Protein backbone atom coordinates (compact mmCIF):
# COMPACT_ATOMS: atom_id res chain seq x y z
CA MET A 1 50.61 2.87 -142.16
CA SER A 2 54.32 1.77 -142.50
CA ALA A 3 55.86 -0.39 -139.97
CA LEU A 4 58.91 1.85 -139.25
CA THR A 5 59.43 2.99 -135.81
CA PRO A 6 59.71 6.65 -134.75
CA GLU A 7 63.67 6.11 -134.69
CA GLN A 8 63.87 4.64 -137.90
CA LEU A 9 61.74 7.63 -139.48
CA GLN A 10 63.90 10.12 -137.66
CA ALA A 11 67.05 8.49 -139.11
CA LEU A 12 65.71 8.45 -142.70
CA GLN A 13 64.54 12.15 -142.46
CA ALA A 14 68.02 12.94 -141.38
CA LEU A 15 69.42 11.03 -144.47
CA LEU A 16 67.01 12.96 -146.78
CA SER A 17 68.10 16.08 -145.21
CA GLN A 18 71.65 15.46 -145.71
CA ARG A 19 71.36 14.27 -149.28
CA GLU A 20 69.34 17.54 -149.92
CA ALA A 21 72.08 19.66 -148.63
CA GLU A 22 74.86 17.81 -150.69
CA LEU A 23 72.64 18.14 -153.64
CA GLY A 24 72.04 21.84 -153.07
CA ALA A 25 75.88 22.42 -152.65
CA GLU A 26 76.67 20.63 -155.91
CA LEU A 27 74.06 22.45 -157.79
CA ARG A 28 75.51 25.77 -156.54
CA GLU A 29 79.01 24.97 -157.34
CA ALA A 30 77.84 23.93 -161.03
CA ARG A 31 76.12 27.17 -161.49
CA GLU A 32 79.24 29.18 -160.09
CA ALA A 33 81.58 27.17 -162.22
CA ARG A 34 79.24 27.93 -165.41
CA GLU A 35 79.20 31.46 -164.56
CA GLU A 36 82.95 31.95 -164.07
CA ARG A 37 83.51 30.03 -167.32
CA PRO A 38 84.33 32.77 -170.28
CA SER A 39 81.09 33.48 -172.38
CA ALA A 40 80.58 32.03 -175.74
CA GLN A 41 80.72 35.76 -177.03
CA GLY A 42 84.44 35.91 -176.37
CA PRO A 43 87.00 34.72 -178.76
CA GLN A 44 85.99 31.90 -180.83
CA VAL A 45 87.96 28.62 -180.55
CA ASP A 46 89.13 27.50 -184.02
CA ASP A 47 90.16 24.13 -182.97
CA GLN A 48 87.52 21.66 -183.65
CA VAL A 49 88.80 19.16 -180.89
CA ALA A 50 88.58 21.83 -178.19
CA GLN A 51 85.03 22.81 -179.53
CA GLY A 52 84.03 19.25 -179.00
CA GLU A 53 85.30 18.86 -175.74
CA GLU A 54 83.59 22.06 -174.59
CA ARG A 55 80.38 20.60 -175.98
CA LEU A 56 80.83 17.36 -174.22
CA ARG A 57 81.79 19.13 -170.89
CA THR A 58 78.55 21.34 -171.15
CA GLY A 59 76.41 18.16 -171.95
CA LEU A 60 77.84 16.27 -169.09
CA GLU A 61 77.20 19.16 -166.67
CA HIS A 62 73.72 19.47 -168.04
CA ILE A 63 72.96 15.64 -167.32
CA GLU A 64 74.57 15.79 -163.74
CA MET A 65 72.33 19.00 -162.97
CA GLU A 66 69.17 17.30 -164.41
CA ARG A 67 69.91 14.24 -162.48
CA ASP A 68 70.50 16.28 -159.21
CA GLN A 69 67.11 18.08 -159.81
CA LEU A 70 65.19 14.88 -160.26
CA GLU A 71 66.69 13.51 -156.97
CA LEU A 72 65.73 16.65 -155.24
CA ARG A 73 62.26 16.27 -156.62
CA ASP A 74 62.47 12.52 -155.33
CA ILE A 75 63.43 13.88 -151.89
CA ASP A 76 60.34 16.26 -152.01
CA ASP A 77 58.13 13.28 -152.93
CA ALA A 78 59.37 11.39 -149.83
CA ARG A 79 58.79 14.22 -147.60
CA THR A 80 55.19 14.36 -148.75
CA ARG A 81 54.83 10.67 -147.93
CA LEU A 82 56.26 11.36 -144.49
CA ALA A 83 53.71 14.01 -143.92
CA ASP A 84 50.96 12.07 -144.98
CA GLY A 85 52.03 8.76 -143.32
CA SER A 86 52.43 6.77 -146.37
CA TYR A 87 56.24 6.84 -146.33
CA GLY A 88 57.56 3.16 -146.21
CA GLU A 89 54.70 1.88 -148.14
CA CYS A 90 54.97 0.77 -151.80
CA VAL A 91 53.23 3.12 -153.90
CA ASP A 92 52.09 0.14 -156.25
CA CYS A 93 51.19 -2.69 -154.01
CA GLY A 94 50.80 -0.96 -150.60
CA CYS A 95 53.29 -3.42 -148.85
CA ASP A 96 55.84 -2.22 -146.42
CA ILE A 97 59.35 -1.32 -147.95
CA PRO A 98 61.80 -2.74 -145.48
CA TYR A 99 64.05 -0.37 -143.53
CA GLU A 100 67.25 -1.80 -145.00
CA ARG A 101 66.01 -0.59 -148.47
CA LEU A 102 64.94 2.78 -147.22
CA HIS A 103 68.05 3.08 -145.44
CA ALA A 104 70.09 2.42 -148.74
CA GLN A 105 67.79 4.59 -150.78
CA PRO A 106 65.57 7.00 -148.62
CA THR A 107 63.78 8.08 -151.58
CA ALA A 108 62.48 4.68 -152.51
CA ALA A 109 58.69 4.75 -153.30
CA ARG A 110 58.39 1.09 -154.17
CA CYS A 111 59.40 -2.30 -152.85
CA VAL A 112 61.98 -4.23 -154.65
CA ASP A 113 59.58 -6.61 -156.77
CA CYS A 114 57.51 -3.45 -157.89
CA GLN A 115 60.73 -1.31 -158.58
CA GLU A 116 62.09 -4.21 -160.67
CA ARG A 117 58.86 -4.44 -162.44
CA TRP A 118 58.56 -0.60 -162.94
CA GLU A 119 62.01 -0.28 -164.55
CA LYS A 120 61.33 -3.14 -167.09
CA THR A 121 58.46 -0.79 -168.28
CA HIS A 122 59.94 2.58 -167.98
CA GLU A 123 62.96 4.53 -169.01
CA THR A 124 65.10 5.08 -165.80
CA VAL A 125 68.00 6.95 -167.14
CA PRO A 126 67.46 10.63 -168.53
CA ARG A 127 68.75 10.91 -171.93
CA TYR A 128 70.62 14.25 -173.29
CA THR A 129 70.08 15.20 -176.68
CA ALA A 130 71.97 18.02 -178.17
């Protein structure tokens, strides 16, 4: 069981809810913007620069949406740990994760030492391939 107080847990739950709402709004806006954009079935752009810019914009939008969806999954995982009482405990070593770390990163599942080890052995940035 984590050493977090009920007040700290409540504050962290509020941070998770706030971030979830922000991500949901960002994803809705991105979907709406994509739907408003003229379809690829419209007039074809002959300018290769414009085509390249459009591919770049689409790729960046895809990366941003993927990142937001991954963060939403992390929020769900944090909520699962809250429900089962393991929130605030490192998933690798079982030590308590300091409140300051959780306040800065409410979805943190590892203590700093274990996170650093994990990052050295895992890819941490999703890569977009066209």
